[in-house]
Amino acid sequence: VQLVESGGGLVQPGGSLRLSCVASGFSFSSYAMSWYRQAPGKEREWVAIILSGGITTNYLDSVKGRFTMSRDNAKNTVFLQMNSLKPEDTAKYYCGPNNYGRFNWGQGTQVTVSS
């Protein structure tokens, strides 16, 4: 499994970012995928999930209505559109396949929300 996240950056509160994650080394279209985040000094937490068909999604309560996860199975890529960003969204964001078993995380992409 290889996971390459991108799209992070520094943004002001209320701003938007679109994260991407390109996956390889497994049958991408067969797996649900999730986004996770880890803030300094905190445990990694789950943020969002999208099932293999790309229709069904679910979100952490604190991001519902602000974040939207999507996927392109033809390009082995998942996305996370983040709107109305808040300082508490600051973290490094990672993606990963659900129910795959052990895998190495990608390098993540840093999102910093600050004025």
PDB file of N, CA and C in Angstrom:
ATOM      1  N   VAL A   1       0.848  -1.197   0.000  1.00  0.00           N
ATOM      2  CA  VAL A   1       0.000   0.000   0.000  1.00  0.00           C
ATOM      3  C   VAL A   1       0.882   1.246   0.000  1.00  0.00           C
ATOM      4  N   GLN A   2       0.555   2.147  -0.904  1.00  0.00           N
ATOM      5  CA  GLN A   2       1.206   3.461  -0.902  1.00  0.00           C
ATOM      6  C   GLN A   2       0.131   4.530  -0.913  1.00  0.00           C
ATOM      7  N   LEU A   3       0.309   5.530  -0.078  1.00  0.00           N
ATOM      8  CA  LEU A   3      -0.666   6.596   0.067  1.00  0.00           C
ATOM      9  C   LEU A   3       0.088   7.918   0.015  1.00  0.00           C
ATOM     10  N   VAL A   4      -0.326   8.804  -0.884  1.00  0.00           N
ATOM     11  CA  VAL A   4       0.338  10.097  -1.033  1.00  0.00           C
ATOM     12  C   VAL A   4      -0.703  11.192  -0.904  1.00  0.00           C
ATOM     13  N   GLU A   5      -0.645  11.913   0.213  1.00  0.00           N
ATOM     14  CA  GLU A   5      -1.581  13.002   0.483  1.00  0.00           C
ATOM     15  C   GLU A   5      -0.976  14.333   0.047  1.00  0.00           C
ATOM     16  N   SER A   6      -1.848  15.226  -0.386  1.00  0.00           N
ATOM     17  CA  SER A   6      -1.403  16.563  -0.792  1.00  0.00           C
ATOM     18  C   SER A   6      -2.548  17.542  -0.654  1.00  0.00           C
ATOM     19  N   GLY A   7      -2.225  18.827  -0.805  1.00  0.00           N
ATOM     20  CA  GLY A   7      -3.258  19.851  -0.812  1.00  0.00           C
ATOM     21  C   GLY A   7      -3.350  20.683   0.446  1.00  0.00           C
ATOM     22  N   GLY A   8      -2.579  20.342   1.463  1.00  0.00           N
ATOM     23  CA  GLY A   8      -2.629  21.109   2.690  1.00  0.00           C
ATOM     24  C   GLY A   8      -1.978  22.473   2.532  1.00  0.00           C
ATOM     25  N   GLY A   9      -2.048  23.251   3.599  1.00  0.00           N
ATOM     26  CA  GLY A   9      -1.437  24.571   3.579  1.00  0.00           C
ATOM     27  C   GLY A   9      -1.890  25.404   4.752  1.00  0.00           C
ATOM     28  N   LEU A  10      -1.517  26.686   4.690  1.00  0.00           N
ATOM     29  CA  LEU A  10      -1.916  27.655   5.705  1.00  0.00           C
ATOM     30  C   LEU A  10      -3.120  28.431   5.181  1.00  0.00           C
ATOM     31  N   VAL A  11      -4.171  28.480   5.970  1.00  0.00           N
ATOM     32  CA  VAL A  11      -5.384  29.171   5.543  1.00  0.00           C
ATOM     33  C   VAL A  11      -5.976  29.918   6.729  1.00  0.00           C
ATOM     34  N   GLN A  12      -6.643  31.033   6.435  1.00  0.00           N
ATOM     35  CA  GLN A  12      -7.277  31.801   7.502  1.00  0.00           C
ATOM     36  C   GLN A  12      -8.576  31.130   7.939  1.00  0.00           C
ATOM     37  N   PRO A  13      -8.997  31.368   9.166  1.00  0.00           N
ATOM     38  CA  PRO A  13     -10.305  30.842   9.600  1.00  0.00           C
ATOM     39  C   PRO A  13     -11.402  31.255   8.620  1.00  0.00           C
ATOM     40  N   GLY A  14     -12.268  30.294   8.324  1.00  0.00           N
ATOM     41  CA  GLY A  14     -13.319  30.523   7.334  1.00  0.00           C
ATOM     42  C   GLY A  14     -12.936  30.157   5.922  1.00  0.00           C
ATOM     43  N   GLY A  15     -11.665  29.863   5.714  1.00  0.00           N
ATOM     44  CA  GLY A  15     -11.185  29.524   4.387  1.00  0.00           C
ATOM     45  C   GLY A  15     -11.441  28.083   4.004  1.00  0.00           C
ATOM     46  N   SER A  16     -10.962  27.711   2.814  1.00  0.00           N
ATOM     47  CA  SER A  16     -11.198  26.370   2.272  1.00  0.00           C
ATOM     48  C   SER A  16      -9.898  25.761   1.760  1.00  0.00           C
ATOM     49  N   LEU A  17      -9.863  24.450   1.789  1.00  0.00           N
ATOM     50  CA  LEU A  17      -8.787  23.672   1.191  1.00  0.00           C
ATOM     51  C   LEU A  17      -9.375  22.392   0.622  1.00  0.00           C
ATOM     52  N   ARG A  18      -8.720  21.838  -0.399  1.00  0.00           N
ATOM     53  CA  ARG A  18      -9.117  20.548  -0.949  1.00  0.00           C
ATOM     54  C   ARG A  18      -7.928  19.613  -0.883  1.00  0.00           C
ATOM     55  N   LEU A  19      -8.051  18.587  -0.087  1.00  0.00           N
ATOM     56  CA  LEU A  19      -7.000  17.592   0.048  1.00  0.00           C
ATOM     57  C   LEU A  19      -7.213  16.459  -0.952  1.00  0.00           C
ATOM     58  N   SER A  20      -6.107  15.876  -1.404  1.00  0.00           N
ATOM     59  CA  SER A  20      -6.145  14.716  -2.290  1.00  0.00           C
ATOM     60  C   SER A  20      -5.280  13.613  -1.703  1.00  0.00           C
ATOM     61  N   CYS A  21      -5.638  12.374  -2.030  1.00  0.00           N
ATOM     62  CA  CYS A  21      -4.839  11.228  -1.607  1.00  0.00           C
ATOM     63  C   CYS A  21      -4.853  10.224  -2.747  1.00  0.00           C
ATOM     64  N   VAL A  22      -3.680   9.968  -3.303  1.00  0.00           N
ATOM     65  CA  VAL A  22      -3.537   8.974  -4.365  1.00  0.00           C
ATOM     66  C   VAL A  22      -3.056   7.675  -3.738  1.00  0.00           C
ATOM     67  N   ALA A  23      -3.781   6.600  -4.010  1.00  0.00           N
ATOM     68  CA  ALA A  23      -3.480   5.300  -3.407  1.00  0.00           C
ATOM     69  C   ALA A  23      -3.018   4.317  -4.475  1.00  0.00           C
ATOM     70  N   SER A  24      -2.173   3.381  -4.065  1.00  0.00           N
ATOM     71  CA  SER A  24      -1.721   2.332  -4.978  1.00  0.00           C
ATOM     72  C   SER A  24      -1.325   1.104  -4.162  1.00  0.00           C
ATOM     73  N   GLY A  25      -1.188  -0.019  -4.860  1.00  0.00           N
ATOM     74  CA  GLY A  25      -0.727  -1.235  -4.205  1.00  0.00           C
ATOM     75  C   GLY A  25      -1.817  -2.117  -3.635  1.00  0.00           C
ATOM     76  N   PHE A  26      -3.071  -1.737  -3.878  1.00  0.00           N
ATOM     77  CA  PHE A  26      -4.191  -2.571  -3.452  1.00  0.00           C
ATOM     78  C   PHE A  26      -5.371  -2.279  -4.372  1.00  0.00           C
ATOM     79  N   SER A  27      -6.408  -3.069  -4.255  1.00  0.00           N
ATOM     80  CA  SER A  27      -7.575  -2.915  -5.117  1.00  0.00           C
ATOM     81  C   SER A  27      -8.442  -1.771  -4.595  1.00  0.00           C
ATOM     82  N   PHE A  28      -8.058  -0.563  -4.980  1.00  0.00           N
ATOM     83  CA  PHE A  28      -8.636   0.659  -4.422  1.00  0.00           C
ATOM     84  C   PHE A  28     -10.161   0.668  -4.485  1.00  0.00           C
ATOM     85  N   SER A  29     -10.719   0.324  -5.620  1.00  0.00           N
ATOM     86  CA  SER A  29     -12.169   0.457  -5.809  1.00  0.00           C
ATOM     87  C   SER A  29     -12.964  -0.534  -4.960  1.00  0.00           C
ATOM     88  N   SER A  30     -12.293  -1.491  -4.337  1.00  0.00           N
ATOM     89  CA  SER A  30     -12.975  -2.484  -3.515  1.00  0.00           C
ATOM     90  C   SER A  30     -13.075  -2.086  -2.048  1.00  0.00           C
ATOM     91  N   TYR A  31     -12.391  -1.012  -1.679  1.00  0.00           N
ATOM     92  CA  TYR A  31     -12.296  -0.640  -0.271  1.00  0.00           C
ATOM     93  C   TYR A  31     -12.937   0.709   0.024  1.00  0.00           C
ATOM     94  N   ALA A  32     -13.611   0.760   1.175  1.00  0.00           N
ATOM     95  CA  ALA A  32     -13.939   2.058   1.740  1.00  0.00           C
ATOM     96  C   ALA A  32     -12.630   2.753   2.100  1.00  0.00           C
ATOM     97  N   MET A  33     -12.665   4.061   2.059  1.00  0.00           N
ATOM     98  CA  MET A  33     -11.485   4.858   2.401  1.00  0.00           C
ATOM     99  C   MET A  33     -11.872   5.889   3.450  1.00  0.00           C
ATOM    100  N   SER A  34     -10.928   6.218   4.308  1.00  0.00           N
ATOM    101  CA  SER A  34     -11.158   7.222   5.336  1.00  0.00           C
ATOM    102  C   SER A  34     -10.073   8.281   5.327  1.00  0.00           C
ATOM    103  N   TRP A  35     -10.439   9.436   5.810  1.00  0.00           N
ATOM    104  CA  TRP A  35      -9.477  10.488   6.168  1.00  0.00           C
ATOM    105  C   TRP A  35      -9.371  10.511   7.693  1.00  0.00           C
ATOM    106  N   TYR A  36      -8.154  10.762   8.159  1.00  0.00           N
ATOM    107  CA  TYR A  36      -7.860  10.879   9.576  1.00  0.00           C
ATOM    108  C   TYR A  36      -7.050  12.159   9.772  1.00  0.00           C
ATOM    109  N   ARG A  37      -6.933  12.608  11.011  1.00  0.00           N
ATOM    110  CA  ARG A  37      -6.063  13.744  11.293  1.00  0.00           C
ATOM    111  C   ARG A  37      -5.423  13.575  12.663  1.00  0.00           C
ATOM    112  N   GLN A  38      -4.272  14.193  12.794  1.00  0.00           N
ATOM    113  CA  GLN A  38      -3.551  14.145  14.064  1.00  0.00           C
ATOM    114  C   GLN A  38      -2.968  15.508  14.355  1.00  0.00           C
ATOM    115  N   ALA A  39      -3.422  16.085  15.449  1.00  0.00           N
ATOM    116  CA  ALA A  39      -2.897  17.366  15.904  1.00  0.00           C
ATOM    117  C   ALA A  39      -1.728  17.107  16.848  1.00  0.00           C
ATOM    118  N   PRO A  40      -0.828  18.078  16.993  1.00  0.00           N
ATOM    119  CA  PRO A  40       0.324  17.894  17.881  1.00  0.00           C
ATOM    120  C   PRO A  40      -0.109  17.505  19.287  1.00  0.00           C
ATOM    121  N   GLY A  41       0.497  16.446  19.820  1.00  0.00           N
ATOM    122  CA  GLY A  41       0.204  16.023  21.167  1.00  0.00           C
ATOM    123  C   GLY A  41      -1.097  15.274  21.338  1.00  0.00           C
ATOM    124  N   LYS A  42      -1.768  14.979  20.231  1.00  0.00           N
ATOM    125  CA  LYS A  42      -3.056  14.278  20.318  1.00  0.00           C
ATOM    126  C   LYS A  42      -3.007  12.973  19.524  1.00  0.00           C
ATOM    127  N   GLU A  43      -3.969  12.093  19.822  1.00  0.00           N
ATOM    128  CA  GLU A  43      -4.087  10.850  19.084  1.00  0.00           C
ATOM    129  C   GLU A  43      -4.648  11.130  17.687  1.00  0.00           C
ATOM    130  N   ARG A  44      -4.323  10.234  16.763  1.00  0.00           N
ATOM    131  CA  ARG A  44      -4.927  10.336  15.438  1.00  0.00           C
ATOM    132  C   ARG A  44      -6.420  10.064  15.562  1.00  0.00           C
ATOM    133  N   GLU A  45      -7.233  10.876  14.886  1.00  0.00           N
ATOM    134  CA  GLU A  45      -8.677  10.682  14.941  1.00  0.00           C
ATOM    135  C   GLU A  45      -9.254  10.540  13.543  1.00  0.00           C
ATOM    136  N   TRP A  46     -10.290   9.742  13.482  1.00  0.00           N
ATOM    137  CA  TRP A  46     -11.003   9.553  12.225  1.00  0.00           C
ATOM    138  C   TRP A  46     -11.809  10.803  11.900  1.00  0.00           C
ATOM    139  N   VAL A  47     -11.859  11.173  10.627  1.00  0.00           N
ATOM    140  CA  VAL A  47     -12.561  12.383  10.198  1.00  0.00           C
ATOM    141  C   VAL A  47     -13.737  12.060   9.274  1.00  0.00           C
ATOM    142  N   ALA A  48     -13.522  11.182   8.300  1.00  0.00           N
ATOM    143  CA  ALA A  48     -14.564  10.942   7.299  1.00  0.00           C
ATOM    144  C   ALA A  48     -14.332   9.601   6.637  1.00  0.00           C
ATOM    145  N   ILE A  49     -15.409   9.018   6.120  1.00  0.00           N
ATOM    146  CA  ILE A  49     -15.331   7.751   5.401  1.00  0.00           C
ATOM    147  C   ILE A  49     -16.197   7.819   4.159  1.00  0.00           C
ATOM    148  N   ILE A  50     -15.755   7.143   3.108  1.00  0.00           N
ATOM    149  CA  ILE A  50     -16.566   6.983   1.908  1.00  0.00           C
ATOM    150  C   ILE A  50     -16.513   5.517   1.510  1.00  0.00           C
ATOM    151  N   LEU A  51     -17.659   4.943   1.243  1.00  0.00           N
ATOM    152  CA  LEU A  51     -17.696   3.539   0.861  1.00  0.00           C
ATOM    153  C   LEU A  51     -17.185   3.354  -0.565  1.00  0.00           C
ATOM    154  N   SER A  52     -16.972   2.100  -0.934  1.00  0.00           N
ATOM    155  CA  SER A  52     -16.272   1.814  -2.183  1.00  0.00           C
ATOM    156  C   SER A  52     -16.985   2.374  -3.405  1.00  0.00           C
ATOM    157  N   GLY A  53     -18.319   2.413  -3.366  1.00  0.00           N
ATOM    158  CA  GLY A  53     -19.072   2.904  -4.515  1.00  0.00           C
ATOM    159  C   GLY A  53     -19.062   4.404  -4.676  1.00  0.00           C
ATOM    160  N   GLY A  54     -18.602   5.104  -3.660  1.00  0.00           N
ATOM    161  CA  GLY A  54     -18.487   6.551  -3.752  1.00  0.00           C
ATOM    162  C   GLY A  54     -19.735   7.332  -3.417  1.00  0.00           C
ATOM    163  N   ILE A  55     -20.782   6.643  -2.990  1.00  0.00           N
ATOM    164  CA  ILE A  55     -22.041   7.337  -2.705  1.00  0.00           C
ATOM    165  C   ILE A  55     -22.204   7.621  -1.215  1.00  0.00           C
ATOM    166  N   THR A  56     -21.967   6.635  -0.398  1.00  0.00           N
ATOM    167  CA  THR A  56     -22.214   6.743   1.038  1.00  0.00           C
ATOM    168  C   THR A  56     -21.003   7.301   1.763  1.00  0.00           C
ATOM    169  N   THR A  57     -21.270   8.330   2.556  1.00  0.00           N
ATOM    170  CA  THR A  57     -20.220   8.967   3.348  1.00  0.00           C
ATOM    171  C   THR A  57     -20.710   9.156   4.785  1.00  0.00           C
ATOM    172  N   ASN A  58     -19.761   9.374   5.673  1.00  0.00           N
ATOM    173  CA  ASN A  58     -20.082   9.725   7.049  1.00  0.00           C
ATOM    174  C   ASN A  58     -18.942  10.571   7.593  1.00  0.00           C
ATOM    175  N   TYR A  59     -19.245  11.377   8.595  1.00  0.00           N
ATOM    176  CA  TYR A  59     -18.281  12.365   9.062  1.00  0.00           C
ATOM    177  C   TYR A  59     -18.264  12.466  10.582  1.00  0.00           C
ATOM    178  N   LEU A  60     -17.108  12.861  11.084  1.00  0.00           N
ATOM    179  CA  LEU A  60     -16.971  13.268  12.479  1.00  0.00           C
ATOM    180  C   LEU A  60     -17.956  14.405  12.729  1.00  0.00           C
ATOM    181  N   ASP A  61     -18.626  14.375  13.874  1.00  0.00           N
ATOM    182  CA  ASP A  61     -19.653  15.379  14.122  1.00  0.00           C
ATOM    183  C   ASP A  61     -19.134  16.808  13.958  1.00  0.00           C
ATOM    184  N   SER A  62     -17.925  17.055  14.395  1.00  0.00           N
ATOM    185  CA  SER A  62     -17.404  18.428  14.391  1.00  0.00           C
ATOM    186  C   SER A  62     -17.112  18.953  12.988  1.00  0.00           C
ATOM    187  N   VAL A  63     -17.123  18.094  11.973  1.00  0.00           N
ATOM    188  CA  VAL A  63     -16.853  18.552  10.605  1.00  0.00           C
ATOM    189  C   VAL A  63     -18.082  18.413   9.703  1.00  0.00           C
ATOM    190  N   LYS A  64     -19.137  17.823  10.220  1.00  0.00           N
ATOM    191  CA  LYS A  64     -20.347  17.662   9.406  1.00  0.00           C
ATOM    192  C   LYS A  64     -20.849  19.011   8.918  1.00  0.00           C
ATOM    193  N   GLY A  65     -21.221  19.062   7.645  1.00  0.00           N
ATOM    194  CA  GLY A  65     -21.704  20.300   7.051  1.00  0.00           C
ATOM    195  C   GLY A  65     -20.596  21.209   6.550  1.00  0.00           C
ATOM    196  N   ARG A  66     -19.347  20.910   6.907  1.00  0.00           N
ATOM    197  CA  ARG A  66     -18.215  21.728   6.447  1.00  0.00           C
ATOM    198  C   ARG A  66     -17.281  20.945   5.526  1.00  0.00           C
ATOM    199  N   PHE A  67     -17.127  19.660   5.769  1.00  0.00           N
ATOM    200  CA  PHE A  67     -16.219  18.805   4.984  1.00  0.00           C
ATOM    201  C   PHE A  67     -17.037  17.881   4.093  1.00  0.00           C
ATOM    202  N   THR A  68     -16.515  17.625   2.898  1.00  0.00           N
ATOM    203  CA  THR A  68     -17.140  16.684   1.975  1.00  0.00           C
ATOM    204  C   THR A  68     -16.076  15.763   1.398  1.00  0.00           C
ATOM    205  N   MET A  69     -16.286  14.472   1.551  1.00  0.00           N
ATOM    206  CA  MET A  69     -15.342  13.489   1.017  1.00  0.00           C
ATOM    207  C   MET A  69     -15.895  12.902  -0.278  1.00  0.00           C
ATOM    208  N   SER A  70     -15.007  12.708  -1.245  1.00  0.00           N
ATOM    209  CA  SER A  70     -15.398  12.102  -2.516  1.00  0.00           C
ATOM    210  C   SER A  70     -14.250  11.222  -3.001  1.00  0.00           C
ATOM    211  N   ARG A  71     -14.517  10.477  -4.060  1.00  0.00           N
ATOM    212  CA  ARG A  71     -13.478   9.605  -4.604  1.00  0.00           C
ATOM    213  C   ARG A  71     -13.636   9.471  -6.108  1.00  0.00           C
ATOM    214  N   ASP A  72     -12.511   9.169  -6.765  1.00  0.00           N
ATOM    215  CA  ASP A  72     -12.477   8.885  -8.192  1.00  0.00           C
ATOM    216  C   ASP A  72     -11.798   7.532  -8.337  1.00  0.00           C
ATOM    217  N   ASN A  73     -12.597   6.493  -8.506  1.00  0.00           N
ATOM    218  CA  ASN A  73     -12.023   5.145  -8.569  1.00  0.00           C
ATOM    219  C   ASN A  73     -11.167   4.927  -9.810  1.00  0.00           C
ATOM    220  N   ALA A  74     -11.426   5.684 -10.853  1.00  0.00           N
ATOM    221  CA  ALA A  74     -10.612   5.552 -12.069  1.00  0.00           C
ATOM    222  C   ALA A  74      -9.202   6.079 -11.852  1.00  0.00           C
ATOM    223  N   LYS A  75      -9.056   6.980 -10.892  1.00  0.00           N
ATOM    224  CA  LYS A  75      -7.750   7.589 -10.622  1.00  0.00           C
ATOM    225  C   LYS A  75      -7.191   7.179  -9.260  1.00  0.00           C
ATOM    226  N   ASN A  76      -7.834   6.209  -8.605  1.00  0.00           N
ATOM    227  CA  ASN A  76      -7.378   5.733  -7.285  1.00  0.00           C
ATOM    228  C   ASN A  76      -7.134   6.889  -6.322  1.00  0.00           C
ATOM    229  N   THR A  77      -8.059   7.825  -6.302  1.00  0.00           N
ATOM    230  CA  THR A  77      -7.868   9.048  -5.530  1.00  0.00           C
ATOM    231  C   THR A  77      -9.102   9.350  -4.682  1.00  0.00           C
ATOM    232  N   VAL A  78      -8.856   9.780  -3.462  1.00  0.00           N
ATOM    233  CA  VAL A  78      -9.920  10.322  -2.629  1.00  0.00           C
ATOM    234  C   VAL A  78      -9.620  11.796  -2.354  1.00  0.00           C
ATOM    235  N   PHE A  79     -10.673  12.532  -2.094  1.00  0.00           N
ATOM    236  CA  PHE A  79     -10.577  13.970  -1.867  1.00  0.00           C
ATOM    237  C   PHE A  79     -11.279  14.327  -0.556  1.00  0.00           C
ATOM    238  N   LEU A  80     -10.865  15.440   0.011  1.00  0.00           N
ATOM    239  CA  LEU A  80     -11.565  15.998   1.159  1.00  0.00           C
ATOM    240  C   LEU A  80     -11.670  17.497   0.948  1.00  0.00           C
ATOM    241  N   GLN A  81     -12.864  17.943   0.616  1.00  0.00           N
ATOM    242  CA  GLN A  81     -13.138  19.375   0.481  1.00  0.00           C
ATOM    243  C   GLN A  81     -13.467  19.915   1.859  1.00  0.00           C
ATOM    244  N   MET A  82     -12.677  20.875   2.302  1.00  0.00           N
ATOM    245  CA  MET A  82     -12.838  21.432   3.645  1.00  0.00           C
ATOM    246  C   MET A  82     -13.199  22.907   3.529  1.00  0.00           C
ATOM    247  N   ASN A  83     -14.377  23.253   3.981  1.00  0.00           N
ATOM    248  CA  ASN A  83     -14.847  24.639   3.959  1.00  0.00           C
ATOM    249  C   ASN A  83     -15.041  25.140   5.375  1.00  0.00           C
ATOM    250  N   SER A  84     -15.163  26.432   5.504  1.00  0.00           N
ATOM    251  CA  SER A  84     -15.392  27.065   6.816  1.00  0.00           C
ATOM    252  C   SER A  84     -14.413  26.531   7.859  1.00  0.00           C
ATOM    253  N   LEU A  85     -13.160  26.519   7.495  1.00  0.00           N
ATOM    254  CA  LEU A  85     -12.148  25.938   8.371  1.00  0.00           C
ATOM    255  C   LEU A  85     -12.002  26.730   9.662  1.00  0.00           C
ATOM    256  N   LYS A  86     -11.705  25.988  10.726  1.00  0.00           N
ATOM    257  CA  LYS A  86     -11.556  26.565  12.064  1.00  0.00           C
ATOM    258  C   LYS A  86     -10.155  26.252  12.594  1.00  0.00           C
ATOM    259  N   PRO A  87      -9.659  27.042  13.516  1.00  0.00           N
ATOM    260  CA  PRO A  87      -8.336  26.752  14.086  1.00  0.00           C
ATOM    261  C   PRO A  87      -8.228  25.336  14.640  1.00  0.00           C
ATOM    262  N   GLU A  88      -9.315  24.799  15.160  1.00  0.00           N
ATOM    263  CA  GLU A  88      -9.270  23.442  15.714  1.00  0.00           C
ATOM    264  C   GLU A  88      -9.181  22.358  14.648  1.00  0.00           C
ATOM    265  N   ASP A  89      -9.271  22.730  13.381  1.00  0.00           N
ATOM    266  CA  ASP A  89      -9.039  21.770  12.300  1.00  0.00           C
ATOM    267  C   ASP A  89      -7.547  21.615  11.994  1.00  0.00           C
ATOM    268  N   THR A  90      -6.716  22.427  12.620  1.00  0.00           N
ATOM    269  CA  THR A  90      -5.279  22.346  12.392  1.00  0.00           C
ATOM    270  C   THR A  90      -4.755  20.974  12.793  1.00  0.00           C
ATOM    271  N   ALA A  91      -4.115  20.301  11.847  1.00  0.00           N
ATOM    272  CA  ALA A  91      -3.607  18.940  12.072  1.00  0.00           C
ATOM    273  C   ALA A  91      -2.915  18.466  10.806  1.00  0.00           C
ATOM    274  N   LYS A  92      -2.249  17.335  10.925  1.00  0.00           N
ATOM    275  CA  LYS A  92      -1.761  16.660   9.720  1.00  0.00           C
ATOM    276  C   LYS A  92      -2.834  15.635   9.337  1.00  0.00           C
ATOM    277  N   TYR A  93      -3.180  15.644   8.064  1.00  0.00           N
ATOM    278  CA  TYR A  93      -4.274  14.809   7.569  1.00  0.00           C
ATOM    279  C   TYR A  93      -3.714  13.629   6.779  1.00  0.00           C
ATOM    280  N   TYR A  94      -4.309  12.461   7.012  1.00  0.00           N
ATOM    281  CA  TYR A  94      -3.891  11.213   6.387  1.00  0.00           C
ATOM    282  C   TYR A  94      -5.111  10.501   5.799  1.00  0.00           C
ATOM    283  N   CYS A  95      -4.873   9.674   4.789  1.00  0.00           N
ATOM    284  CA  CYS A  95      -5.946   8.817   4.284  1.00  0.00           C
ATOM    285  C   CYS A  95      -5.529   7.361   4.472  1.00  0.00           C
ATOM    286  N   GLY A  96      -6.501   6.460   4.406  1.00  0.00           N
ATOM    287  CA  GLY A  96      -6.194   5.046   4.538  1.00  0.00           C
ATOM    288  C   GLY A  96      -7.381   4.182   4.174  1.00  0.00           C
ATOM    289  N   PRO A  97      -7.133   2.960   3.732  1.00  0.00           N
ATOM    290  CA  PRO A  97      -8.215   2.017   3.413  1.00  0.00           C
ATOM    291  C   PRO A  97      -8.813   1.428   4.689  1.00  0.00           C
ATOM    292  N   ASN A  98     -10.115   1.235   4.679  1.00  0.00           N
ATOM    293  CA  ASN A  98     -10.789   0.626   5.825  1.00  0.00           C
ATOM    294  C   ASN A  98     -10.765  -0.901   5.724  1.00  0.00           C
ATOM    295  N   ASN A  99     -10.633  -1.545   6.868  1.00  0.00           N
ATOM    296  CA  ASN A  99     -10.693  -3.017   6.955  1.00  0.00           C
ATOM    297  C   ASN A  99      -9.679  -3.682   6.033  1.00  0.00           C
ATOM    298  N   TYR A 100      -8.509  -3.060   5.904  1.00  0.00           N
ATOM    299  CA  TYR A 100      -7.458  -3.631   5.060  1.00  0.00           C
ATOM    300  C   TYR A 100      -6.490  -4.464   5.871  1.00  0.00           C
ATOM    301  N   GLY A 101      -6.337  -4.111   7.139  1.00  0.00           N
ATOM    302  CA  GLY A 101      -5.299  -4.730   7.937  1.00  0.00           C
ATOM    303  C   GLY A 101      -4.147  -3.747   8.095  1.00  0.00           C
ATOM    304  N   ARG A 102      -2.970  -4.278   8.357  1.00  0.00           N
ATOM    305  CA  ARG A 102      -1.817  -3.403   8.584  1.00  0.00           C
ATOM    306  C   ARG A 102      -1.353  -2.747   7.291  1.00  0.00           C
ATOM    307  N   PHE A 103      -1.037  -1.463   7.358  1.00  0.00           N
ATOM    308  CA  PHE A 103      -0.429  -0.776   6.231  1.00  0.00           C
ATOM    309  C   PHE A 103       0.389   0.387   6.773  1.00  0.00           C
ATOM    310  N   ASN A 104       1.310   0.876   5.957  1.00  0.00           N
ATOM    311  CA  ASN A 104       2.118   2.030   6.336  1.00  0.00           C
ATOM    312  C   ASN A 104       1.388   3.309   5.931  1.00  0.00           C
ATOM    313  N   TRP A 105       1.266   4.216   6.876  1.00  0.00           N
ATOM    314  CA  TRP A 105       0.634   5.493   6.577  1.00  0.00           C
ATOM    315  C   TRP A 105       1.500   6.290   5.608  1.00  0.00           C
ATOM    316  N   GLY A 106       0.872   7.159   4.842  1.00  0.00           N
ATOM    317  CA  GLY A 106       1.609   8.105   4.019  1.00  0.00           C
ATOM    318  C   GLY A 106       2.223   9.193   4.884  1.00  0.00           C
ATOM    319  N   GLN A 107       2.813  10.163   4.212  1.00  0.00           N
ATOM    320  CA  GLN A 107       3.495  11.232   4.944  1.00  0.00           C
ATOM    321  C   GLN A 107       2.499  12.263   5.504  1.00  0.00           C
ATOM    322  N   GLY A 108       1.273  12.210   5.026  1.00  0.00           N
ATOM    323  CA  GLY A 108       0.269  13.173   5.472  1.00  0.00           C
ATOM    324  C   GLY A 108       0.449  14.524   4.807  1.00  0.00           C
ATOM    325  N   THR A 109      -0.535  15.386   5.016  1.00  0.00           N
ATOM    326  CA  THR A 109      -0.457  16.758   4.512  1.00  0.00           C
ATOM    327  C   THR A 109      -0.905  17.696   5.626  1.00  0.00           C
ATOM    328  N   GLN A 110      -0.108  18.718   5.887  1.00  0.00           N
ATOM    329  CA  GLN A 110      -0.344  19.610   7.024  1.00  0.00           C
ATOM    330  C   GLN A 110      -1.385  20.669   6.673  1.00  0.00           C
ATOM    331  N   VAL A 111      -2.364  20.806   7.528  1.00  0.00           N
ATOM    332  CA  VAL A 111      -3.363  21.867   7.418  1.00  0.00           C
ATOM    333  C   VAL A 111      -3.230  22.749   8.655  1.00  0.00           C
ATOM    334  N   THR A 112      -2.997  24.036   8.416  1.00  0.00           N
ATOM    335  CA  THR A 112      -2.876  24.991   9.512  1.00  0.00           C
ATOM    336  C   THR A 112      -3.885  26.108   9.289  1.00  0.00           C
ATOM    337  N   VAL A 113      -4.757  26.288  10.254  1.00  0.00           N
ATOM    338  CA  VAL A 113      -5.793  27.324  10.170  1.00  0.00           C
ATOM    339  C   VAL A 113      -5.464  28.387  11.206  1.00  0.00           C
ATOM    340  N   SER A 114      -5.075  29.539  10.724  1.00  0.00           N
ATOM    341  CA  SER A 114      -4.628  30.598  11.619  1.00  0.00           C
ATOM    342  C   SER A 114      -4.744  31.942  10.930  1.00  0.00           C
ATOM    343  N   SER A 115      -5.032  32.949  11.726  1.00  0.00           N
ATOM    344  CA  SER A 115      -5.058  34.308  11.181  1.00  0.00           C
ATOM    345  C   SER A 115      -3.700  34.982  11.369  1.00  0.00           C
TER     346      SER A 115
END
